[in-house]
């Protein structure tokens, strides 16, 4: 599945790029042969509307529609077993390479404050 997403990302980059030419058209045609027909059909539906077919996931959020994704979707993407769609915008989701390689950072240890001595309250004498 990771190779499929990489091919889709390359295709999207070529098709939405500013340069055009015979070499780019040939590269797009070659990439389209590697992608399964149902995935390509969904991608093309989005493309005909002028939308990109893929969206990156950053901090458990779809980079296209900015909606938070469930942890199950993110974990499935990390494992690379299945293709995932955003429930809100319908784009295919992928993890950018730097996000996939980096584990969840651990927060720095909390700084402890010095103990404050408190005085005991004395009962007022009458």
Protein backbone atom coordinates (compact mmCIF):
# COMPACT_ATOMS: atom_id res chain seq x y z
CA UNK A 1 0.00 0.00 0.00
CA UNK A 2 2.91 2.34 0.64
CA UNK A 3 4.06 2.02 -2.98
CA UNK A 4 0.53 2.75 -4.17
CA UNK A 5 0.43 5.99 -2.16
CA UNK A 6 3.88 6.95 -3.42
CA UNK A 7 2.76 6.41 -7.02
CA UNK A 8 -0.41 8.44 -6.43
CA UNK A 9 1.61 11.24 -4.86
CA UNK A 10 4.03 11.29 -7.81
CA UNK A 11 1.07 11.36 -10.22
CA UNK A 12 -0.57 14.22 -8.33
CA UNK A 13 2.70 16.16 -8.26
CA UNK A 14 3.15 15.75 -12.00
CA UNK A 15 -0.47 16.55 -12.92
CA UNK A 16 -0.77 19.60 -10.69
CA UNK A 17 2.73 20.85 -11.51
CA UNK A 18 3.25 23.89 -13.65
CA UNK A 19 5.38 22.20 -16.28
CA UNK A 20 3.81 20.33 -19.19
CA UNK A 21 5.34 18.26 -21.93
CA UNK A 22 5.63 14.91 -23.59
CA UNK A 23 7.96 13.53 -20.91
CA UNK A 24 5.54 14.44 -18.14
CA UNK A 25 2.59 12.99 -20.06
CA UNK A 26 4.52 9.75 -20.58
CA UNK A 27 5.46 9.60 -16.88
CA UNK A 28 1.81 10.17 -15.91
CA UNK A 29 0.67 7.41 -18.26
CA UNK A 30 3.24 5.03 -16.80
CA UNK A 31 2.17 5.81 -13.23
CA UNK A 32 -1.50 5.35 -14.13
CA UNK A 33 -0.79 1.78 -15.27
CA UNK A 34 0.60 0.95 -11.79
CA UNK A 35 -2.47 2.22 -9.89
CA UNK A 36 -5.57 -0.02 -9.52
CA UNK A 37 -8.64 1.10 -11.48
CA UNK A 38 -10.99 1.81 -8.49
CA UNK A 39 -8.37 3.98 -6.79
CA UNK A 40 -7.61 5.80 -10.02
CA UNK A 41 -11.32 6.38 -10.71
CA UNK A 42 -11.82 8.00 -7.28
CA UNK A 43 -8.68 10.11 -7.78
CA UNK A 44 -9.90 11.23 -11.22
CA UNK A 45 -13.33 12.22 -9.85
CA UNK A 46 -11.64 14.58 -7.41
CA UNK A 47 -9.25 15.83 -10.08
CA UNK A 48 -12.06 16.74 -12.50
CA UNK A 49 -13.48 18.98 -9.76
CA UNK A 50 -10.12 20.73 -9.54
CA UNK A 51 -9.21 19.14 -6.22
CA UNK A 52 -6.15 17.18 -5.31
CA UNK A 53 -6.72 13.49 -4.66
CA UNK A 54 -4.30 13.08 -1.76
CA UNK A 55 -3.91 14.86 1.55
CA UNK A 56 -1.11 14.58 4.06
CA UNK A 57 -1.78 13.74 7.69
CA UNK A 58 0.01 15.95 10.19
CA UNK A 59 -0.60 15.76 13.93
CA UNK A 60 -3.60 13.47 13.38
CA UNK A 61 -5.27 16.12 11.16
CA UNK A 62 -6.10 16.02 7.44
CA UNK A 63 -4.00 18.75 5.81
CA UNK A 64 -6.71 19.42 3.22
CA UNK A 65 -9.87 19.95 5.27
CA UNK A 66 -8.21 20.38 8.70
CA UNK A 67 -10.48 17.88 10.40
CA UNK A 68 -9.09 15.64 13.12
CA UNK A 69 -8.80 11.97 12.21
CA UNK A 70 -9.41 9.04 14.48
CA UNK A 71 -6.46 7.28 15.99
CA UNK A 72 -7.49 4.08 14.19
CA UNK A 73 -7.09 5.78 10.79
CA UNK A 74 -3.66 7.15 11.70
CA UNK A 75 -2.47 3.80 13.03
CA UNK A 76 -3.67 2.03 9.87
CA UNK A 77 -1.68 4.53 7.82
CA UNK A 78 1.41 3.97 9.95
CA UNK A 79 1.13 0.21 9.53
CA UNK A 80 0.58 0.58 5.78
CA UNK A 81 -1.94 -2.27 5.52
CA UNK A 82 -4.81 -0.39 3.88
CA UNK A 83 -5.70 2.75 1.95
CA UNK A 84 -7.58 5.31 4.03
CA UNK A 85 -9.94 8.07 2.94
CA UNK A 86 -10.70 11.24 4.89
CA UNK A 87 -14.26 10.97 6.17
CA UNK A 88 -14.81 14.68 5.59
CA UNK A 89 -13.23 15.62 2.23
CA UNK A 90 -12.89 12.17 0.63
CA UNK A 91 -9.22 12.46 -0.24
CA UNK A 92 -6.75 9.61 0.08
CA UNK A 93 -4.61 10.06 3.17
CA UNK A 94 -0.88 9.52 3.42
CA UNK A 95 1.80 10.13 6.00
CA UNK A 96 4.67 12.32 4.84
CA UNK A 97 8.05 10.62 5.16
CA UNK A 98 9.26 12.79 8.06
CA UNK A 99 6.07 12.05 10.02
CA UNK A 100 6.21 8.32 9.36
CA UNK A 101 9.84 8.05 10.45
CA UNK A 102 9.54 10.11 13.63
CA UNK A 103 8.04 8.55 16.70
CA UNK A 104 5.87 10.52 19.06
CA UNK A 105 8.17 12.90 20.90
CA UNK A 106 8.33 12.60 24.65
CA UNK A 107 7.80 15.80 26.57
CA UNK A 108 10.72 17.16 28.56
CA UNK A 109 10.67 16.37 32.26
CA UNK A 110 8.76 18.87 34.35
CA UNK A 111 10.87 21.24 36.37
CA UNK A 112 10.24 20.96 40.05
CA UNK A 113 9.78 24.05 42.12
CA UNK A 114 11.69 24.50 45.33
CA UNK A 115 9.66 23.62 48.37
CA UNK A 116 8.02 26.55 50.07
CA UNK A 117 8.06 26.49 53.83
CA UNK A 118 4.74 27.34 55.32
CA UNK A 119 4.23 28.63 58.76
CA UNK A 120 1.78 26.96 61.04
CA UNK A 121 -1.15 29.03 61.97
CA UNK A 122 -1.28 29.64 65.68
CA UNK A 123 -4.52 29.94 67.53
CA UNK A 124 -5.21 33.44 68.76
CA UNK A 125 -5.05 33.73 72.53
CA UNK A 126 -7.87 35.59 74.22
